[in-house]
Protein backbone atom coordinates (compact mmCIF):
# COMPACT_ATOMS: atom_id res chain seq x y z
CA MET A 1 0.11 0.16 -0.11
CA LEU A 2 2.86 2.15 0.62
CA ILE A 3 4.05 1.86 -2.61
CA GLY A 4 0.91 2.61 -4.16
CA LEU A 5 0.32 5.82 -2.53
CA HIS A 6 3.75 6.67 -3.61
CA ALA A 7 2.96 5.84 -7.17
CA VAL A 8 -0.12 8.23 -6.79
CA GLY A 9 2.14 10.96 -5.19
CA LEU A 10 4.30 10.88 -8.14
CA LEU A 11 1.84 10.93 -10.77
CA ALA A 12 -0.08 14.17 -8.87
CA LEU A 13 3.64 15.75 -9.13
CA ALA A 14 3.79 14.95 -12.61
CA PHE A 15 0.34 16.46 -13.67
CA ALA A 16 1.12 19.28 -11.32
CA GLY A 17 4.47 19.92 -13.16
CA LEU A 18 2.66 19.68 -16.67
CA GLY A 19 -0.09 22.28 -15.36
CA LEU A 20 2.70 24.83 -14.17
CA ALA A 21 4.97 24.37 -17.29
CA GLY A 22 1.57 25.29 -19.68
CA CYS A 23 0.91 28.56 -17.17
CA ASP A 24 4.50 30.01 -17.72
CA GLU A 25 4.09 29.92 -21.52
CA GLU A 26 2.30 33.06 -22.73
CA PRO A 27 1.00 33.09 -26.31
CA ALA A 28 3.55 35.13 -27.89
CA SER A 29 2.25 38.66 -29.49
CA THR A 30 2.86 39.06 -33.09
CA GLU A 31 2.98 42.55 -34.88
CA ALA A 32 -0.02 41.20 -37.04
CA GLN A 33 -1.77 40.52 -34.03
CA ASP A 34 -1.27 43.87 -32.57
CA ARG A 35 -2.24 45.49 -35.91
CA ALA A 36 -5.37 43.57 -35.89
CA ASP A 37 -6.51 44.69 -32.37
CA ALA A 38 -5.73 48.46 -33.03
CA GLU A 39 -7.92 48.24 -36.34
CA ALA A 40 -10.69 46.57 -34.31
CA VAL A 41 -10.39 48.98 -31.71
CA ALA A 42 -10.40 52.08 -34.22
CA ALA A 43 -13.46 50.24 -35.87
CA VAL A 44 -15.40 50.24 -32.64
CA LEU A 45 -14.60 54.06 -31.89
CA ALA A 46 -15.45 55.00 -35.29
CA GLN A 47 -19.07 53.16 -35.03
CA GLN A 48 -19.37 55.19 -31.65
CA THR A 49 -18.41 58.71 -33.19
CA PRO A 50 -21.20 60.62 -34.65
CA PRO A 51 -20.74 62.28 -37.94
CA PRO A 52 -19.88 65.94 -37.90
CA VAL A 53 -23.03 68.52 -38.07
CA GLU A 54 -22.11 71.70 -40.16
CA LEU A 55 -22.52 74.76 -37.54
CA ALA A 56 -24.48 77.60 -38.88
CA LEU A 57 -22.99 80.68 -37.10
CA GLN A 58 -25.59 83.76 -36.92
CA PRO A 59 -25.26 87.48 -36.59
CA ILE A 60 -24.95 88.93 -33.32
CA THR A 61 -27.35 91.85 -33.55
CA THR A 62 -27.43 95.15 -31.31
CA ALA A 63 -30.42 93.99 -29.52
CA ASP A 64 -28.42 90.74 -28.40
CA ILE A 65 -25.35 93.01 -27.25
CA VAL A 66 -27.77 95.20 -25.20
CA GLU A 67 -29.03 91.97 -23.41
CA ASN A 68 -25.63 91.07 -22.71
CA SER A 69 -23.17 93.67 -21.21
CA ALA A 70 -20.26 91.31 -21.00
CA MET A 71 -20.31 91.78 -24.89
CA GLU A 72 -19.28 95.56 -24.80
CA GLY A 73 -16.04 97.11 -24.28
CA ALA A 74 -12.36 96.44 -25.53
CA GLY A 75 -11.76 93.47 -27.72
CA CYS A 76 -12.44 92.43 -31.42
CA SER A 77 -15.44 91.55 -33.50
CA PHE A 78 -15.26 89.05 -36.34
CA THR A 79 -17.24 89.98 -39.60
CA PRO A 80 -17.60 87.63 -42.22
CA GLY A 81 -17.44 89.06 -46.02
CA GLY A 82 -20.58 90.76 -47.03
CA GLU A 83 -22.19 90.77 -43.45
CA GLU A 84 -22.90 94.15 -41.36
CA ASP A 85 -23.38 92.52 -37.90
CA PRO A 86 -20.39 90.20 -36.35
CA PHE A 87 -20.64 86.58 -35.77
CA ALA A 88 -18.22 86.50 -33.18
CA ILE A 89 -17.45 88.80 -30.26
CA LEU A 90 -13.97 88.63 -28.60
CA ALA A 91 -12.82 90.12 -25.44
CA ASP A 92 -10.21 89.64 -22.72
CA GLY A 93 -11.21 86.13 -21.15
CA VAL A 94 -14.33 85.51 -23.07
CA GLY A 95 -15.87 85.12 -26.71
CA PHE A 96 -19.52 84.90 -28.03
CA VAL A 97 -21.02 83.31 -31.07
CA LYS A 98 -24.76 82.75 -32.02
CA TYR A 99 -26.10 79.58 -33.42
CA GLU A 100 -29.47 77.95 -33.50
CA GLY A 101 -31.08 81.39 -32.33
CA SER A 102 -28.83 81.53 -29.00
CA ILE A 103 -25.71 83.46 -28.03
CA GLN A 104 -23.04 80.96 -26.30
CA ARG A 105 -20.33 82.08 -24.54
CA LEU A 106 -17.00 80.75 -24.81
CA ALA A 107 -13.95 80.76 -22.72
CA ALA A 108 -10.74 82.27 -23.66
CA ASP A 109 -7.89 79.19 -23.87
CA ALA A 110 -5.36 80.82 -21.75
CA GLY A 111 -2.68 78.34 -23.10
CA SER A 112 -3.25 79.87 -26.94
CA THR A 113 -1.67 82.90 -28.27
CA GLU A 114 -2.96 86.24 -27.19
CA GLY A 115 -4.10 88.47 -29.58
CA PRO A 116 -4.85 92.25 -29.67
CA PHE A 117 -6.79 93.85 -26.65
CA GLY A 118 -6.53 91.22 -24.63
CA THR A 119 -8.27 88.47 -26.88
CA ARG A 120 -6.76 84.97 -27.63
CA GLU A 121 -6.74 82.84 -30.96
CA GLN A 122 -8.72 80.07 -29.36
CA TYR A 123 -11.81 79.90 -27.25
CA ASP A 124 -13.76 76.86 -25.73
CA GLY A 125 -17.28 76.15 -24.97
CA ARG A 126 -19.33 72.93 -24.13
CA GLU A 127 -19.71 71.91 -27.75
CA TYR A 128 -17.46 74.08 -29.66
CA SER A 129 -14.20 75.67 -29.50
CA LEU A 130 -13.41 78.71 -31.83
CA ASN A 131 -10.15 79.56 -33.56
CA ILE A 132 -9.36 83.01 -35.14
CA THR A 133 -6.66 84.29 -37.28
CA ILE A 134 -5.95 87.74 -38.10
CA ASP A 135 -3.54 88.90 -40.28
CA GLN A 136 -1.81 91.65 -38.48
CA ALA A 137 0.56 92.68 -41.10
CA LYS A 138 -2.63 93.90 -42.96
CA LYS A 139 -4.03 96.30 -40.46
CA GLU A 140 -6.01 99.36 -41.68
CA GLY A 141 -7.14 102.19 -39.38
CA GLU A 142 -6.46 105.62 -37.87
CA SER A 143 -4.35 104.40 -34.74
CA GLU A 144 -3.33 101.58 -32.56
CA ALA A 145 -6.42 101.95 -30.44
CA SER A 146 -8.88 101.26 -33.38
CA TRP A 147 -8.22 99.01 -36.39
CA ALA A 148 -9.36 96.34 -38.91
CA ALA A 149 -7.61 93.46 -40.62
CA PRO A 150 -8.45 90.14 -42.74
CA ALA A 151 -9.31 87.48 -40.37
CA ASN A 152 -10.32 83.93 -40.85
CA LEU A 153 -12.62 81.97 -38.19
CA THR A 154 -12.87 78.25 -37.71
CA MET A 155 -15.35 76.27 -35.20
CA ALA A 156 -14.41 72.86 -34.47
CA ASP A 157 -16.80 69.99 -32.77
CA GLY A 158 -15.72 68.16 -29.60
CA TYR A 159 -13.91 65.49 -31.90
CA ASP A 160 -11.57 68.68 -33.24
CA ARG A 161 -13.40 68.32 -36.72
CA GLU A 162 -13.97 71.56 -38.45
CA VAL A 163 -17.83 72.27 -38.71
CA ALA A 164 -17.65 75.92 -39.76
CA MET A 165 -15.25 78.26 -41.32
CA SER A 166 -15.56 81.91 -42.89
CA GLU A 167 -13.34 84.29 -44.13
CA GLY A 168 -13.98 88.12 -43.31
CA ARG A 169 -12.54 90.74 -41.35
CA VAL A 170 -12.12 91.52 -37.73
CA ALA A 171 -12.50 95.02 -36.14
CA CYS A 172 -10.70 95.70 -32.60
CA GLY A 173 -10.55 98.50 -30.45
CA GLY A 174 -10.30 99.59 -26.96
């Protein structure tokens, strides 16, 4: 009987050794498998990302400005070609745009390049961000306190996709 128990013990150790040897070996990851995994993840993310929706900016009227005194004071206003009312008003620390009939307040991105009169090149909101590029080399105006220049305005959605773009002029004053 002692021999039988001894044989069972040896068999148990042999099977345990085989089981442990199998645990030590992990399947080798190949470049092809890694690439396939990355493509699968990208496909899932692409399916979860909504398509971009074009944003139709609207003019900010004098009545809009009267209702919101934060739009008054030193700063710049962007007007697209052919329009009379601005589509964006930019000031120190804050910017405004109008879409879907509502004025939207944007926060100046403190990490972006500073523009004239304390404005910034980048403003961020809940749904969209605004970027303005001013060609200050082509400034026109009577003084440094009040001038106008060509500018481009772009709006991007939360996925950094351009949803609105306009060329026009920016008028700045203090």
